[in-house]
Amino acid sequence: MKKPLRKRKRVVGRAIAPAPVEASFAAIVGMIQAAKRRTYQSVNTELVSLYWQIGEYISRKLESAEWGDGVVEELARYLARTQPGLRGFTRANLFRMRQFYNTYCMNKKVVPLVRQLPWTHNLI
């Protein structure tokens, strides 16, 4: 004799994890968020270092009269043309990088600290 088919219960939604398990999950979320913060800080530090190097390069070229102010505008156009999608390297920002370098380059105690600040702090 054939058994009648039983309907399976359909589970809608997700089961709620018990509180101790949720606390463990929250710990993992905390680790993920901490890693993101460290990543953003590392990227920021590298960007500030890059801006410092570019500012120094531009400053030295202008001071030695190897470049005139117009060359910085040409550089901005060149970067826009050869590096599509690259943002933040306009003429004005390139001069800001130069100003950033010139503002802090003479203070040997401040230089290492400045490179650790977020870029926006340096503009204030």
Protein backbone atom coordinates (compact mmCIF):
# COMPACT_ATOMS: atom_id res chain seq x y z
CA MET A 1 0.00 0.00 0.00
CA LYS A 2 1.25 3.42 -0.93
CA LYS A 3 1.78 5.98 1.81
CA PRO A 4 0.07 9.31 1.34
CA LEU A 5 2.42 12.16 0.44
CA ARG A 6 3.12 14.53 3.27
CA LYS A 7 3.48 18.17 2.58
CA ARG A 8 6.75 19.63 3.70
CA LYS A 9 6.63 22.76 5.74
CA ARG A 10 8.05 25.71 3.94
CA VAL A 11 10.26 27.93 6.05
CA VAL A 12 9.79 31.59 5.31
CA GLY A 13 12.42 34.05 6.45
CA ARG A 14 15.54 33.25 8.45
CA ALA A 15 15.83 31.61 11.79
CA ILE A 16 16.96 33.95 14.53
CA ALA A 17 20.26 32.93 16.09
CA PRO A 18 20.40 32.62 19.84
CA ALA A 19 21.91 35.60 21.71
CA PRO A 20 25.35 34.02 22.40
CA VAL A 21 25.73 33.19 18.72
CA GLU A 22 24.73 36.73 17.74
CA ALA A 23 27.42 38.06 20.08
CA SER A 24 29.96 35.91 18.23
CA PHE A 25 28.66 37.25 14.93
CA ALA A 26 28.99 40.81 16.27
CA ALA A 27 32.63 40.07 17.10
CA ILE A 28 33.23 39.09 13.46
CA VAL A 29 31.51 42.28 12.28
CA GLY A 30 33.82 44.23 14.60
CA MET A 31 36.87 42.56 13.05
CA ILE A 32 35.64 43.41 9.56
CA GLN A 33 35.03 47.05 10.50
CA ALA A 34 38.45 47.35 12.16
CA ALA A 35 40.12 45.93 9.03
CA LYS A 36 38.23 48.45 6.87
CA ARG A 37 39.41 51.32 9.09
CA ARG A 38 43.02 50.12 8.86
CA THR A 39 42.68 49.80 5.09
CA TYR A 40 41.32 53.33 4.74
CA GLN A 41 44.12 54.66 6.95
CA SER A 42 46.77 52.85 4.88
CA VAL A 43 45.33 54.17 1.64
CA ASN A 44 45.12 57.66 3.10
CA THR A 45 48.75 57.52 4.28
CA GLU A 46 49.88 56.45 0.82
CA LEU A 47 47.88 59.23 -0.84
CA VAL A 48 49.32 61.87 1.48
CA SER A 49 52.80 60.53 0.73
CA LEU A 50 52.06 60.69 -3.01
CA TYR A 51 50.77 64.27 -2.71
CA TRP A 52 53.91 65.19 -0.77
CA GLN A 53 56.17 63.67 -3.45
CA ILE A 54 54.29 65.36 -6.29
CA GLY A 55 54.33 68.68 -4.42
CA GLU A 56 58.06 68.36 -3.85
CA TYR A 57 58.71 67.48 -7.50
CA ILE A 58 56.65 70.39 -8.81
CA SER A 59 58.17 72.79 -6.29
CA ARG A 60 61.72 71.87 -7.27
CA LYS A 61 60.95 72.14 -10.99
CA LEU A 62 59.41 75.60 -10.55
CA GLU A 63 62.14 76.85 -8.19
CA SER A 64 64.89 75.78 -10.58
CA ALA A 65 63.07 77.60 -13.39
CA GLU A 66 63.03 74.31 -15.29
CA TRP A 67 59.25 74.67 -15.42
CA GLY A 68 57.00 77.69 -15.61
CA ASP A 69 53.48 77.84 -14.13
CA GLY A 70 52.06 76.86 -17.53
CA VAL A 71 53.80 73.50 -17.38
CA VAL A 72 51.69 72.53 -14.36
CA GLU A 73 48.56 73.12 -16.42
CA GLU A 74 50.06 71.01 -19.23
CA LEU A 75 50.78 68.28 -16.65
CA ALA A 76 47.16 68.34 -15.48
CA ARG A 77 45.92 67.99 -19.07
CA TYR A 78 48.46 65.23 -19.75
CA LEU A 79 47.33 63.26 -16.69
CA ALA A 80 43.67 63.66 -17.66
CA ARG A 81 44.40 62.45 -21.19
CA THR A 82 46.71 59.54 -20.36
CA GLN A 83 45.05 58.37 -17.13
CA PRO A 84 41.32 58.25 -17.85
CA GLY A 85 39.28 57.96 -14.69
CA LEU A 86 42.04 59.42 -12.52
CA ARG A 87 40.60 62.20 -10.40
CA GLY A 88 42.05 64.92 -8.21
CA PHE A 89 45.00 65.93 -10.35
CA THR A 90 43.70 69.20 -11.74
CA ARG A 91 45.91 72.26 -12.11
CA ALA A 92 44.51 73.69 -8.86
CA ASN A 93 45.09 70.46 -6.93
CA LEU A 94 48.63 70.10 -8.28
CA PHE A 95 49.38 73.60 -6.98
CA ARG A 96 47.78 72.61 -3.64
CA MET A 97 50.17 69.66 -3.48
CA ARG A 98 53.04 72.08 -4.04
CA GLN A 99 51.66 74.37 -1.33
CA PHE A 100 51.29 71.40 1.01
CA TYR A 101 54.94 70.50 0.50
CA ASN A 102 56.19 74.08 0.79
CA THR A 103 54.19 74.70 3.97
CA TYR A 104 55.72 71.81 5.93
CA CYS A 105 59.03 70.90 4.25
CA MET A 106 61.23 73.05 6.49
CA ASN A 107 59.92 71.67 9.78
CA LYS A 108 61.71 68.33 10.28
CA LYS A 109 59.65 67.50 13.39
CA VAL A 110 56.32 68.08 11.65
CA VAL A 111 57.03 66.28 8.35
CA PRO A 112 56.56 62.70 9.66
CA LEU A 113 53.37 63.71 11.49
CA VAL A 114 51.87 65.55 8.53
CA ARG A 115 52.12 62.40 6.42
CA GLN A 116 49.92 60.56 8.93
CA LEU A 117 47.08 63.08 8.91
CA PRO A 118 44.10 62.68 6.62
CA TRP A 119 44.49 64.88 3.54
CA THR A 120 41.59 67.11 4.59
CA HIS A 121 43.38 68.04 7.83
CA ASN A 122 46.28 69.37 5.78
CA LEU A 123 44.03 71.70 3.84
CA ILE A 124 42.55 73.31 6.96
